[in-house]
Amino acid sequence: MENLSTVSVRDSAPELARGAAVGLSMPSQTLVALVSRHVAQDSEYLTVGRTRIGRTDTFTTVEAIDILPVKVFEEYIANCDTTFKSEFGVTMRVAKLTMTNDIQDLVGFPVHIWSDRSVPGLGILVEHELIHRNGIRIIIRDRDEAAPFLHEGDSGAMVCYSDPRRGNTVFAVAMIVGEMTEGNENTREYTAQILDDALQKLGVMNGCRYLFIEEGS
């Protein structure tokens, strides 16, 4: 794995591409946006407004992994807002990627998303090993029954949590797939693709490593 190229990923603000995750450009690295595969798979380009910022067919993907990496065109890298937000709206320059093996310890933890409509969406992680073909997903419920965790159009939003034990660092856990259509009729539940697991699989397929950029990189 040491000779593989490196692909950097980060979260983005809505003005770039809602729900995308993007990385900063560095020597020998490539900036990518992570978007919902089932939303973007029929589009040749990732567009913001009327501007095409990357092609959707750059990397090999599979249907079972609902995350699509899109290489951002060089001329638009400087326009990318790569910050994250805590659930309280505090802007964070970096976030940590939650490892798959650590997610079992997060059952019962509060999580959040930011999108055009969910500002923020607040939920609770209730299950961590929903196997969906060759992908691993988590299940999230509303934190407040009167306030849905997500709304229509939120597919691709990043599921994050803040850890007060570690200086309120924001951790990225998964990418929203959508609301579950089966299950408890009285409780809304949602699924999200675990990022670490998906990025490792996509890395093997494409001969590269997908990494979140650290502070100062």
N, C-alpha and C. Protein backbone atom coordinates (compact mmCIF):
# COMPACT_ATOMS: atom_id res chain seq x y z
N MET A 1 0.82 -1.20 0.00
CA MET A 1 0.00 0.00 0.00
C MET A 1 0.86 1.26 0.00
N GLU A 2 2.16 1.18 0.29
CA GLU A 2 2.96 2.38 0.39
C GLU A 2 3.15 3.10 -0.93
N ASN A 3 3.04 2.36 -2.05
CA ASN A 3 3.29 2.97 -3.34
C ASN A 3 2.02 3.51 -4.00
N LEU A 4 0.90 3.42 -3.28
CA LEU A 4 -0.34 3.88 -3.86
C LEU A 4 -0.42 5.40 -3.84
N SER A 5 -1.12 5.96 -4.82
CA SER A 5 -1.35 7.40 -4.79
C SER A 5 -2.33 7.73 -3.67
N THR A 6 -2.36 8.98 -3.27
CA THR A 6 -3.21 9.40 -2.17
C THR A 6 -4.28 10.35 -2.66
N VAL A 7 -5.51 10.13 -2.23
CA VAL A 7 -6.63 10.99 -2.57
C VAL A 7 -7.16 11.58 -1.28
N SER A 8 -7.31 12.89 -1.23
CA SER A 8 -7.72 13.56 0.00
C SER A 8 -9.20 13.90 -0.03
N VAL A 9 -9.86 13.75 1.10
CA VAL A 9 -11.28 14.06 1.17
C VAL A 9 -11.59 14.95 2.36
N ARG A 10 -12.55 15.82 2.19
CA ARG A 10 -13.02 16.73 3.24
C ARG A 10 -14.49 17.04 3.03
N ASP A 11 -15.12 17.59 4.05
CA ASP A 11 -16.50 18.01 3.93
C ASP A 11 -16.56 19.38 3.26
N SER A 12 -17.70 19.72 2.70
CA SER A 12 -17.83 21.01 2.04
C SER A 12 -19.02 21.78 2.56
N ALA A 13 -18.99 23.07 2.37
CA ALA A 13 -20.14 23.91 2.69
C ALA A 13 -21.16 23.80 1.56
N PRO A 14 -22.44 24.13 1.84
CA PRO A 14 -23.47 23.99 0.81
C PRO A 14 -23.19 24.75 -0.47
N GLU A 15 -22.45 25.88 -0.40
CA GLU A 15 -22.23 26.66 -1.63
C GLU A 15 -21.33 25.93 -2.63
N LEU A 16 -20.58 24.94 -2.17
CA LEU A 16 -19.79 24.16 -3.12
C LEU A 16 -20.67 23.09 -3.76
N ALA A 17 -21.12 22.17 -2.98
CA ALA A 17 -21.99 21.10 -3.47
C ALA A 17 -22.54 20.41 -2.24
N ARG A 18 -23.81 20.64 -1.92
CA ARG A 18 -24.37 20.15 -0.68
C ARG A 18 -24.17 18.65 -0.53
N GLY A 19 -23.62 18.26 0.62
CA GLY A 19 -23.44 16.86 0.90
C GLY A 19 -22.13 16.28 0.41
N ALA A 20 -21.33 17.09 -0.29
CA ALA A 20 -20.08 16.56 -0.82
C ALA A 20 -19.00 16.58 0.24
N ALA A 21 -17.97 15.78 0.05
CA ALA A 21 -16.80 15.82 0.90
C ALA A 21 -15.61 16.07 0.01
N VAL A 22 -14.80 17.05 0.34
CA VAL A 22 -13.72 17.42 -0.55
C VAL A 22 -12.40 17.52 0.17
N GLY A 23 -11.32 17.42 -0.57
CA GLY A 23 -10.00 17.51 0.02
C GLY A 23 -9.21 18.67 -0.56
N LEU A 24 -8.20 19.11 0.16
CA LEU A 24 -7.34 20.16 -0.33
C LEU A 24 -6.27 19.60 -1.24
N SER A 25 -5.89 20.36 -2.26
CA SER A 25 -4.86 19.91 -3.19
C SER A 25 -3.49 19.98 -2.54
N MET A 26 -2.72 18.92 -2.69
CA MET A 26 -1.35 18.87 -2.18
C MET A 26 -0.48 18.18 -3.22
N PRO A 27 0.85 18.35 -3.13
CA PRO A 27 1.71 17.65 -4.08
C PRO A 27 1.45 16.16 -4.07
N SER A 28 1.32 15.57 -5.23
CA SER A 28 1.10 14.14 -5.45
C SER A 28 -0.25 13.68 -4.95
N GLN A 29 -1.13 14.62 -4.58
CA GLN A 29 -2.46 14.25 -4.14
C GLN A 29 -3.51 14.81 -5.08
N THR A 30 -4.69 14.22 -5.01
CA THR A 30 -5.80 14.63 -5.86
C THR A 30 -6.96 15.06 -4.99
N LEU A 31 -7.61 16.15 -5.34
CA LEU A 31 -8.78 16.62 -4.63
C LEU A 31 -10.02 15.91 -5.17
N VAL A 32 -10.82 15.34 -4.27
CA VAL A 32 -12.06 14.69 -4.70
C VAL A 32 -13.23 15.20 -3.90
N ALA A 33 -14.39 15.11 -4.50
CA ALA A 33 -15.65 15.35 -3.80
C ALA A 33 -16.34 14.00 -3.65
N LEU A 34 -16.87 13.75 -2.47
CA LEU A 34 -17.64 12.53 -2.24
C LEU A 34 -19.12 12.88 -2.29
N VAL A 35 -19.83 12.23 -3.19
CA VAL A 35 -21.26 12.51 -3.35
C VAL A 35 -22.04 11.20 -3.32
N SER A 36 -23.34 11.33 -3.20
CA SER A 36 -24.22 10.16 -3.19
C SER A 36 -24.23 9.50 -4.57
N ARG A 37 -23.87 8.24 -4.61
CA ARG A 37 -23.79 7.54 -5.90
C ARG A 37 -25.17 7.43 -6.56
N HIS A 38 -26.20 7.10 -5.79
CA HIS A 38 -27.51 6.88 -6.41
C HIS A 38 -28.12 8.18 -6.92
N VAL A 39 -27.62 9.32 -6.43
CA VAL A 39 -28.09 10.61 -6.91
C VAL A 39 -27.32 11.04 -8.16
N ALA A 40 -26.02 10.79 -8.17
CA ALA A 40 -25.15 11.33 -9.23
C ALA A 40 -24.83 10.37 -10.35
N GLN A 41 -25.20 9.09 -10.21
CA GLN A 41 -24.72 8.08 -11.16
C GLN A 41 -25.18 8.30 -12.60
N ASP A 42 -26.28 8.99 -12.80
CA ASP A 42 -26.75 9.22 -14.17
C ASP A 42 -26.26 10.53 -14.76
N SER A 43 -25.42 11.25 -14.01
CA SER A 43 -24.88 12.51 -14.49
C SER A 43 -23.42 12.34 -14.89
N GLU A 44 -23.03 12.95 -15.99
CA GLU A 44 -21.64 12.84 -16.46
C GLU A 44 -20.72 13.74 -15.66
N TYR A 45 -21.27 14.85 -15.14
CA TYR A 45 -20.46 15.80 -14.40
C TYR A 45 -21.10 16.12 -13.04
N LEU A 46 -20.27 16.50 -12.08
CA LEU A 46 -20.74 17.08 -10.84
C LEU A 46 -20.82 18.58 -11.08
N THR A 47 -21.99 19.16 -10.90
CA THR A 47 -22.17 20.58 -11.19
C THR A 47 -22.58 21.35 -9.93
N VAL A 48 -22.14 22.59 -9.85
CA VAL A 48 -22.55 23.53 -8.82
C VAL A 48 -23.16 24.71 -9.54
N GLY A 49 -24.47 24.88 -9.37
CA GLY A 49 -25.16 25.86 -10.21
C GLY A 49 -25.11 25.37 -11.65
N ARG A 50 -24.44 26.15 -12.51
CA ARG A 50 -24.28 25.73 -13.90
C ARG A 50 -22.83 25.37 -14.21
N THR A 51 -22.00 25.32 -13.17
CA THR A 51 -20.58 25.07 -13.38
C THR A 51 -20.23 23.61 -13.16
N ARG A 52 -19.56 23.02 -14.12
CA ARG A 52 -19.10 21.64 -13.98
C ARG A 52 -17.76 21.65 -13.26
N ILE A 53 -17.71 21.03 -12.08
CA ILE A 53 -16.47 21.07 -11.29
C ILE A 53 -15.72 19.74 -11.29
N GLY A 54 -16.30 18.69 -11.92
CA GLY A 54 -15.60 17.41 -11.97
C GLY A 54 -16.41 16.37 -12.71
N ARG A 55 -15.73 15.33 -13.18
CA ARG A 55 -16.39 14.23 -13.87
C ARG A 55 -16.77 13.14 -12.88
N THR A 56 -17.90 12.49 -13.12
CA THR A 56 -18.36 11.44 -12.21
C THR A 56 -17.82 10.06 -12.56
N ASP A 57 -17.11 9.95 -13.68
CA ASP A 57 -16.63 8.63 -14.10
C ASP A 57 -15.12 8.47 -13.91
N THR A 58 -14.52 9.29 -13.03
CA THR A 58 -13.07 9.25 -12.82
C THR A 58 -12.63 7.97 -12.13
N PHE A 59 -13.43 7.52 -11.14
CA PHE A 59 -13.04 6.38 -10.33
C PHE A 59 -14.01 5.21 -10.51
N THR A 60 -13.50 4.01 -10.34
CA THR A 60 -14.32 2.80 -10.39
C THR A 60 -15.15 2.69 -9.12
N THR A 61 -16.43 2.36 -9.26
CA THR A 61 -17.32 2.20 -8.12
C THR A 61 -18.18 0.96 -8.30
N VAL A 62 -18.92 0.60 -7.26
CA VAL A 62 -19.87 -0.51 -7.35
C VAL A 62 -21.19 -0.05 -6.75
N GLU A 63 -22.27 -0.66 -7.18
CA GLU A 63 -23.60 -0.24 -6.76
C GLU A 63 -23.79 -0.34 -5.24
N ALA A 64 -23.19 -1.35 -4.62
CA ALA A 64 -23.41 -1.58 -3.20
C ALA A 64 -22.79 -0.51 -2.31
N ILE A 65 -21.84 0.25 -2.85
CA ILE A 65 -21.24 1.35 -2.10
C ILE A 65 -21.84 2.65 -2.61
N ASP A 66 -22.69 3.26 -1.80
CA ASP A 66 -23.43 4.44 -2.26
C ASP A 66 -22.64 5.73 -2.06
N ILE A 67 -21.36 5.66 -2.36
CA ILE A 67 -20.48 6.83 -2.30
C ILE A 67 -19.72 6.91 -3.61
N LEU A 68 -19.75 8.07 -4.23
CA LEU A 68 -19.08 8.26 -5.52
C LEU A 68 -18.00 9.33 -5.38
N PRO A 69 -16.72 8.96 -5.53
CA PRO A 69 -15.65 9.97 -5.52
C PRO A 69 -15.59 10.67 -6.88
N VAL A 70 -15.51 11.99 -6.85
CA VAL A 70 -15.43 12.78 -8.08
C VAL A 70 -14.19 13.65 -8.02
N LYS A 71 -13.31 13.51 -8.99
CA LYS A 71 -12.11 14.33 -9.03
C LYS A 71 -12.49 15.76 -9.42
N VAL A 72 -12.10 16.72 -8.58
CA VAL A 72 -12.43 18.12 -8.84
C VAL A 72 -11.41 18.70 -9.83
N PHE A 73 -11.92 19.41 -10.83
CA PHE A 73 -11.03 20.04 -11.80
C PHE A 73 -10.10 21.02 -11.09
N GLU A 74 -8.86 21.05 -11.54
CA GLU A 74 -7.82 21.85 -10.90
C GLU A 74 -8.23 23.32 -10.75
N GLU A 75 -8.89 23.86 -11.74
CA GLU A 75 -9.21 25.30 -11.72
C GLU A 75 -10.26 25.67 -10.68
N TYR A 76 -10.93 24.66 -10.09
CA TYR A 76 -11.96 24.95 -9.10
C TYR A 76 -11.56 24.60 -7.67
N ILE A 77 -10.37 24.06 -7.51
CA ILE A 77 -9.94 23.64 -6.16
C ILE A 77 -9.93 24.81 -5.19
N ALA A 78 -9.45 25.97 -5.65
CA ALA A 78 -9.34 27.14 -4.77
C ALA A 78 -10.71 27.66 -4.33
N ASN A 79 -11.77 27.29 -5.06
CA ASN A 79 -13.11 27.76 -4.71
C ASN A 79 -13.82 26.86 -3.71
N CYS A 80 -13.18 25.76 -3.35
CA CYS A 80 -13.84 24.79 -2.47
C CYS A 80 -13.74 25.21 -1.01
N ASP A 81 -14.88 25.25 -0.34
CA ASP A 81 -14.91 25.48 1.10
C ASP A 81 -14.83 24.12 1.77
N THR A 82 -13.75 23.87 2.48
CA THR A 82 -13.49 22.52 3.00
C THR A 82 -13.68 22.42 4.51
N THR A 83 -14.49 23.29 5.08
CA THR A 83 -14.71 23.26 6.52
C THR A 83 -15.85 22.31 6.90
N PHE A 84 -15.84 21.90 8.16
CA PHE A 84 -16.92 21.12 8.76
C PHE A 84 -17.66 22.01 9.75
N LYS A 85 -18.79 21.53 10.26
CA LYS A 85 -19.51 22.22 11.32
C LYS A 85 -19.85 21.25 12.44
N SER A 86 -19.76 21.75 13.67
CA SER A 86 -20.30 21.00 14.79
C SER A 86 -21.82 21.13 14.76
N GLU A 87 -22.51 20.38 15.60
CA GLU A 87 -23.97 20.49 15.59
C GLU A 87 -24.44 21.84 16.09
N PHE A 88 -23.55 22.60 16.75
CA PHE A 88 -23.91 23.93 17.24
C PHE A 88 -23.54 25.02 16.23
N GLY A 89 -23.10 24.60 15.04
CA GLY A 89 -22.79 25.56 13.99
C GLY A 89 -21.40 26.13 14.04
N VAL A 90 -20.55 25.59 14.91
CA VAL A 90 -19.17 26.06 15.00
C VAL A 90 -18.38 25.51 13.82
N THR A 91 -17.74 26.38 13.06
CA THR A 91 -16.96 25.96 11.90
C THR A 91 -15.64 25.34 12.33
N MET A 92 -15.36 24.16 11.81
CA MET A 92 -14.13 23.44 12.13
C MET A 92 -13.31 23.27 10.85
N ARG A 93 -12.06 23.61 10.90
CA ARG A 93 -11.23 23.52 9.70
C ARG A 93 -10.97 22.07 9.29
N VAL A 94 -10.94 21.16 10.26
CA VAL A 94 -10.68 19.76 9.95
C VAL A 94 -11.64 18.88 10.71
N ALA A 95 -11.78 17.64 10.25
CA ALA A 95 -12.52 16.62 10.96
C ALA A 95 -11.72 15.33 10.89
N LYS A 96 -11.97 14.46 11.83
CA LYS A 96 -11.30 13.17 11.84
C LYS A 96 -12.22 12.12 11.23
N LEU A 97 -11.64 11.15 10.56
CA LEU A 97 -12.41 10.04 10.01
C LEU A 97 -12.55 8.96 11.07
N THR A 98 -13.78 8.57 11.39
CA THR A 98 -14.03 7.54 12.39
C THR A 98 -13.74 6.17 11.80
N MET A 99 -12.89 5.39 12.47
CA MET A 99 -12.56 4.06 12.00
C MET A 99 -13.75 3.11 12.20
N THR A 100 -13.93 2.18 11.27
CA THR A 100 -15.06 1.27 11.31
C THR A 100 -15.14 0.52 12.63
N ASN A 101 -13.99 0.05 13.14
CA ASN A 101 -13.98 -0.73 14.38
C ASN A 101 -14.39 0.08 15.61
N ASP A 102 -14.34 1.41 15.51
CA ASP A 102 -14.69 2.26 16.64
C ASP A 102 -16.18 2.60 16.69
N ILE A 103 -16.88 2.33 15.59
CA ILE A 103 -18.27 2.76 15.50
C ILE A 103 -19.17 2.00 16.47
N GLN A 104 -18.83 0.76 16.82
CA GLN A 104 -19.64 0.00 17.76
C GLN A 104 -19.73 0.70 19.11
N ASP A 105 -18.73 1.50 19.44
CA ASP A 105 -18.74 2.22 20.71
C ASP A 105 -19.59 3.49 20.64
N LEU A 106 -20.11 3.82 19.46
CA LEU A 106 -20.87 5.05 19.29
C LEU A 106 -22.38 4.83 19.35
N VAL A 107 -22.81 3.57 19.52
CA VAL A 107 -24.25 3.30 19.61
C VAL A 107 -24.83 4.09 20.79
N GLY A 108 -25.86 4.88 20.51
CA GLY A 108 -26.45 5.75 21.52
C GLY A 108 -25.91 7.16 21.49
N PHE A 109 -24.86 7.41 20.67
CA PHE A 109 -24.26 8.75 20.57
C PHE A 109 -25.14 9.67 19.72
N PRO A 110 -25.17 10.97 20.07
CA PRO A 110 -25.83 11.95 19.20
C PRO A 110 -24.98 12.22 17.96
N VAL A 111 -25.63 12.29 16.81
CA VAL A 111 -24.94 12.60 15.55
C VAL A 111 -25.71 13.71 14.86
N HIS A 112 -25.07 14.33 13.85
CA HIS A 112 -25.73 15.44 13.17
C HIS A 112 -25.31 15.50 11.70
N ILE A 113 -26.12 16.19 10.92
CA ILE A 113 -25.78 16.50 9.54
C ILE A 113 -26.08 17.99 9.31
N TRP A 114 -25.46 18.55 8.27
CA TRP A 114 -25.79 19.90 7.80
C TRP A 114 -26.11 19.81 6.32
N SER A 115 -27.18 20.47 5.91
CA SER A 115 -27.55 20.51 4.50
C SER A 115 -28.37 21.78 4.27
N ASP A 116 -28.90 21.94 3.07
CA ASP A 116 -29.71 23.11 2.78
C ASP A 116 -30.94 23.19 3.69
N ARG A 117 -31.54 22.03 3.99
CA ARG A 117 -32.78 22.01 4.78
C ARG A 117 -32.55 21.59 6.22
N SER A 118 -31.57 20.77 6.47
CA SER A 118 -31.29 20.30 7.82
C SER A 118 -30.17 21.15 8.40
N VAL A 119 -30.54 22.07 9.30
CA VAL A 119 -29.57 23.08 9.74
C VAL A 119 -29.53 23.22 11.27
N PRO A 120 -29.09 22.24 12.00
CA PRO A 120 -28.67 20.93 11.51
C PRO A 120 -29.79 19.90 11.65
N GLY A 121 -29.51 18.67 11.17
CA GLY A 121 -30.35 17.53 11.45
C GLY A 121 -29.75 16.78 12.62
N LEU A 122 -30.56 16.47 13.63
CA LEU A 122 -30.05 15.85 14.85
C LEU A 122 -30.61 14.43 15.00
N GLY A 123 -29.70 13.48 15.23
CA GLY A 123 -30.13 12.09 15.36
C GLY A 123 -29.33 11.34 16.40
N ILE A 124 -29.65 10.06 16.54
CA ILE A 124 -28.94 9.16 17.45
C ILE A 124 -28.57 7.90 16.68
N LEU A 125 -27.31 7.49 16.78
CA LEU A 125 -26.86 6.27 16.13
C LEU A 125 -27.37 5.08 16.95
N VAL A 126 -28.14 4.20 16.31
CA VAL A 126 -28.76 3.10 17.07
C VAL A 126 -28.27 1.72 16.65
N GLU A 127 -27.62 1.61 15.49
CA GLU A 127 -27.10 0.31 15.07
C GLU A 127 -25.90 0.54 14.17
N HIS A 128 -24.91 -0.34 14.24
CA HIS A 128 -23.66 -0.06 13.53
C HIS A 128 -23.23 -1.12 12.56
N GLU A 129 -23.93 -2.23 12.44
CA GLU A 129 -23.46 -3.28 11.54
C GLU A 129 -24.57 -3.80 10.64
N LEU A 130 -25.22 -2.89 9.96
CA LEU A 130 -26.21 -3.29 8.97
C LEU A 130 -25.46 -3.63 7.68
N ILE A 131 -25.35 -4.92 7.37
CA ILE A 131 -24.60 -5.35 6.20
C ILE A 131 -25.50 -5.23 4.97
N HIS A 132 -25.04 -4.49 4.00
CA HIS A 132 -25.80 -4.29 2.76
C HIS A 132 -24.90 -4.72 1.61
N ARG A 133 -25.07 -5.96 1.19
CA ARG A 133 -24.18 -6.55 0.19
C ARG A 133 -22.73 -6.38 0.62
N ASN A 134 -21.88 -5.67 -0.14
CA ASN A 134 -20.47 -5.57 0.29
C ASN A 134 -20.18 -4.23 0.97
N GLY A 135 -21.24 -3.57 1.46
CA GLY A 135 -21.05 -2.32 2.19
C GLY A 135 -21.59 -2.45 3.61
N ILE A 136 -21.07 -1.64 4.52
CA ILE A 136 -21.54 -1.64 5.89
C ILE A 136 -22.18 -0.31 6.18
N ARG A 137 -23.36 -0.34 6.77
CA ARG A 137 -24.10 0.88 7.04
C ARG A 137 -24.47 0.98 8.52
N ILE A 138 -24.82 2.18 8.94
CA ILE A 138 -25.34 2.40 10.28
C ILE A 138 -26.80 2.81 10.18
N ILE A 139 -27.51 2.70 11.29
CA ILE A 139 -28.91 3.13 11.36
C ILE A 139 -29.01 4.26 12.37
N ILE A 140 -29.76 5.29 11.99
CA ILE A 140 -29.91 6.49 12.82
C ILE A 140 -31.40 6.77 13.01
N ARG A 141 -31.75 7.23 14.21
CA ARG A 141 -33.12 7.65 14.49
C ARG A 141 -33.15 9.14 14.83
N ASP A 142 -34.33 9.72 14.75
CA ASP A 142 -34.50 11.12 15.14
C ASP A 142 -34.17 11.28 16.62
N ARG A 143 -33.49 12.36 16.94
CA ARG A 143 -33.25 12.67 18.34
C ARG A 143 -34.52 13.22 18.98
N ASP A 144 -35.29 13.92 18.18
CA ASP A 144 -36.57 14.48 18.61
C ASP A 144 -37.61 14.09 17.57
N GLU A 145 -38.67 13.38 17.99
CA GLU A 145 -39.67 12.91 17.05
C GLU A 145 -40.32 14.05 16.26
N ALA A 146 -40.34 15.23 16.85
CA ALA A 146 -40.96 16.37 16.18
C ALA A 146 -40.04 17.03 15.16
N ALA A 147 -38.77 16.63 15.14
CA ALA A 147 -37.79 17.25 14.24
C ALA A 147 -37.04 16.16 13.49
N PRO A 148 -37.44 15.86 12.25
CA PRO A 148 -36.78 14.80 11.48
C PRO A 148 -35.28 15.02 11.34
N PHE A 149 -34.53 13.93 11.42
CA PHE A 149 -33.08 13.99 11.28
C PHE A 149 -32.68 14.48 9.90
N LEU A 150 -33.42 14.05 8.88
CA LEU A 150 -33.11 14.50 7.52
C LEU A 150 -34.38 14.77 6.75
N HIS A 151 -34.21 15.45 5.63
CA HIS A 151 -35.32 15.79 4.75
C HIS A 151 -35.02 15.29 3.33
N GLU A 152 -36.02 15.36 2.50
CA GLU A 152 -35.84 14.95 1.10
C GLU A 152 -34.72 15.77 0.47
N GLY A 153 -33.82 15.09 -0.23
CA GLY A 153 -32.69 15.77 -0.85
C GLY A 153 -31.42 15.75 -0.03
N ASP A 154 -31.46 15.11 1.16
CA ASP A 154 -30.28 15.07 2.03
C ASP A 154 -29.34 13.90 1.76
N SER A 155 -29.65 13.06 0.79
CA SER A 155 -28.74 11.96 0.45
C SER A 155 -27.36 12.52 0.13
N GLY A 156 -26.33 11.94 0.73
CA GLY A 156 -24.97 12.40 0.51
C GLY A 156 -24.45 13.30 1.61
N ALA A 157 -25.34 13.73 2.53
CA ALA A 157 -24.87 14.55 3.65
C ALA A 157 -23.99 13.71 4.57
N MET A 158 -23.00 14.36 5.19
CA MET A 158 -22.08 13.69 6.09
C MET A 158 -22.66 13.57 7.50
N VAL A 159 -22.65 12.36 8.03
CA VAL A 159 -23.05 12.13 9.42
C VAL A 159 -21.82 12.32 10.30
N CYS A 160 -21.91 13.25 11.24
CA CYS A 160 -20.78 13.57 12.11
C CYS A 160 -21.19 13.56 13.57
N TYR A 161 -20.21 13.56 14.45
CA TYR A 161 -20.48 13.78 15.87
C TYR A 161 -19.32 14.55 16.47
N SER A 162 -19.60 15.23 17.57
CA SER A 162 -18.57 15.99 18.28
C SER A 162 -18.24 15.26 19.57
N ASP A 163 -16.96 15.12 19.87
CA ASP A 163 -16.53 14.40 21.05
C ASP A 163 -15.97 15.38 22.08
N PRO A 164 -16.75 15.68 23.14
CA PRO A 164 -16.27 16.64 24.15
C PRO A 164 -15.06 16.14 24.91
N ARG A 165 -14.85 14.82 24.88
CA ARG A 165 -13.68 14.25 25.57
C ARG A 165 -12.40 14.54 24.81
N ARG A 166 -12.53 14.97 23.55
CA ARG A 166 -11.36 15.24 22.72
C ARG A 166 -11.42 16.65 22.14
N GLY A 167 -11.76 17.59 23.02
CA GLY A 167 -11.77 18.99 22.62
C GLY A 167 -12.85 19.33 21.62
N ASN A 168 -13.98 18.59 21.65
CA ASN A 168 -15.09 18.81 20.72
C ASN A 168 -14.68 18.66 19.26
N THR A 169 -13.69 17.81 19.02
CA THR A 169 -13.30 17.48 17.65
C THR A 169 -14.49 16.89 16.91
N VAL A 170 -14.68 17.29 15.66
CA VAL A 170 -15.74 16.73 14.83
C VAL A 170 -15.22 15.48 14.12
N PHE A 171 -15.98 14.40 14.22
CA PHE A 171 -15.63 13.15 13.57
C PHE A 171 -16.67 12.84 12.48
N ALA A 172 -16.19 12.51 11.29
CA ALA A 172 -17.07 12.09 10.19
C ALA A 172 -17.25 10.58 10.27
N VAL A 173 -18.49 10.13 10.25
CA VAL A 173 -18.80 8.71 10.45
C VAL A 173 -19.28 8.04 9.17
N ALA A 174 -20.24 8.66 8.50
CA ALA A 174 -20.92 7.99 7.39
C ALA A 174 -21.54 9.01 6.46
N MET A 175 -22.04 8.53 5.31
CA MET A 175 -22.74 9.37 4.35
C MET A 175 -24.18 8.89 4.23
N ILE A 176 -25.12 9.82 4.31
CA ILE A 176 -26.54 9.50 4.27
C ILE A 176 -26.92 8.78 2.97
N VAL A 177 -27.65 7.66 3.11
CA VAL A 177 -28.24 6.97 1.96
C VAL A 177 -29.70 7.39 1.83
N GLY A 178 -30.45 7.31 2.93
CA GLY A 178 -31.84 7.74 2.90
C GLY A 178 -32.65 7.15 4.03
N GLU A 179 -33.94 7.42 4.02
CA GLU A 179 -34.83 6.91 5.05
C GLU A 179 -35.17 5.45 4.75
N MET A 180 -35.21 4.63 5.79
CA MET A 180 -35.57 3.23 5.62
C MET A 180 -37.06 3.11 5.37
N THR A 181 -37.42 2.22 4.45
CA THR A 181 -38.83 2.04 4.10
C THR A 181 -39.47 0.92 4.89
N GLU A 182 -38.66 0.11 5.58
CA GLU A 182 -39.19 -0.98 6.39
C GLU A 182 -38.73 -0.79 7.82
N GLY A 183 -39.51 -1.33 8.75
CA GLY A 183 -39.13 -1.23 10.15
C GLY A 183 -40.27 -0.74 11.00
N ASN A 184 -39.97 -0.14 12.12
CA ASN A 184 -40.97 0.34 13.07
C ASN A 184 -41.77 1.48 12.47
N GLU A 185 -43.09 1.29 12.35
CA GLU A 185 -43.93 2.32 11.73
C GLU A 185 -43.99 3.58 12.57
N ASN A 186 -43.72 3.46 13.86
CA ASN A 186 -43.82 4.60 14.76
C ASN A 186 -42.51 5.36 14.93
N THR A 187 -41.43 4.83 14.36
CA THR A 187 -40.12 5.45 14.52
C THR A 187 -39.45 5.60 13.16
N ARG A 188 -39.07 6.80 12.81
CA ARG A 188 -38.34 7.01 11.56
C ARG A 188 -36.90 6.58 11.74
N GLU A 189 -36.40 5.79 10.80
CA GLU A 189 -35.01 5.35 10.83
C GLU A 189 -34.37 5.61 9.48
N TYR A 190 -33.07 5.85 9.51
CA TYR A 190 -32.33 6.23 8.32
C TYR A 190 -31.06 5.41 8.23
N THR A 191 -30.58 5.17 7.01
CA THR A 191 -29.33 4.44 6.84
C THR A 191 -28.26 5.37 6.27
N ALA A 192 -27.02 5.06 6.63
CA ALA A 192 -25.87 5.83 6.13
C ALA A 192 -24.71 4.88 5.92
N GLN A 193 -23.97 5.08 4.84
CA GLN A 193 -22.83 4.24 4.50
C GLN A 193 -21.61 4.64 5.32
N ILE A 194 -21.00 3.67 6.01
CA ILE A 194 -19.83 3.95 6.83
C ILE A 194 -18.67 4.40 5.93
N LEU A 195 -18.11 5.56 6.20
CA LEU A 195 -17.08 6.15 5.35
C LEU A 195 -15.80 5.33 5.31
N ASP A 196 -15.27 4.98 6.47
CA ASP A 196 -13.99 4.28 6.53
C ASP A 196 -14.04 2.99 5.72
N ASP A 197 -15.07 2.19 5.95
CA ASP A 197 -15.23 0.92 5.22
C ASP A 197 -15.34 1.16 3.72
N ALA A 198 -16.16 2.15 3.32
CA ALA A 198 -16.36 2.42 1.89
C ALA A 198 -15.09 2.93 1.24
N LEU A 199 -14.37 3.84 1.91
CA LEU A 199 -13.16 4.41 1.31
C LEU A 199 -12.05 3.38 1.18
N GLN A 200 -11.99 2.45 2.13
CA GLN A 200 -11.00 1.37 1.99
C GLN A 200 -11.31 0.50 0.78
N LYS A 201 -12.57 0.14 0.60
CA LYS A 201 -12.96 -0.69 -0.55
C LYS A 201 -12.73 0.05 -1.87
N LEU A 202 -13.12 1.33 -1.90
CA LEU A 202 -12.91 2.11 -3.12
C LEU A 202 -11.43 2.30 -3.41
N GLY A 203 -10.62 2.41 -2.36
CA GLY A 203 -9.19 2.53 -2.55
C GLY A 203 -8.58 1.31 -3.21
N VAL A 204 -9.04 0.13 -2.78
CA VAL A 204 -8.55 -1.12 -3.38
C VAL A 204 -8.94 -1.17 -4.86
N MET A 205 -10.17 -0.79 -5.16
CA MET A 205 -10.65 -0.83 -6.55
C MET A 205 -9.86 0.11 -7.45
N ASN A 206 -9.44 1.25 -6.91
CA ASN A 206 -8.82 2.29 -7.73
C ASN A 206 -7.31 2.42 -7.54
N GLY A 207 -6.71 1.54 -6.71
CA GLY A 207 -5.27 1.59 -6.52
C GLY A 207 -4.78 2.86 -5.87
N CYS A 208 -5.54 3.35 -4.89
CA CYS A 208 -5.14 4.59 -4.21
C CYS A 208 -5.62 4.53 -2.76
N ARG A 209 -5.31 5.57 -2.00
CA ARG A 209 -5.81 5.71 -0.63
C ARG A 209 -6.58 7.01 -0.52
N TYR A 210 -7.75 6.93 0.09
CA TYR A 210 -8.56 8.11 0.33
C TYR A 210 -8.35 8.54 1.77
N LEU A 211 -7.84 9.77 1.97
CA LEU A 211 -7.48 10.22 3.31
C LEU A 211 -8.06 11.60 3.60
N PHE A 212 -8.50 11.81 4.83
CA PHE A 212 -8.86 13.15 5.27
C PHE A 212 -7.56 13.91 5.54
N ILE A 213 -7.54 15.19 5.20
CA ILE A 213 -6.34 16.00 5.38
C ILE A 213 -6.29 16.53 6.81
N GLU A 214 -5.10 16.50 7.38
CA GLU A 214 -4.91 16.97 8.74
C GLU A 214 -4.68 18.49 8.76
N GLU A 215 -4.79 19.07 9.93
CA GLU A 215 -4.55 20.50 10.14
C GLU A 215 -3.16 20.88 9.62
N GLY A 216 -3.08 21.93 8.82
CA GLY A 216 -1.80 22.43 8.34
C GLY A 216 -1.31 21.75 7.07
N SER A 217 -2.07 20.78 6.57
CA SER A 217 -1.63 20.08 5.35
C SER A 217 -1.88 20.93 4.13
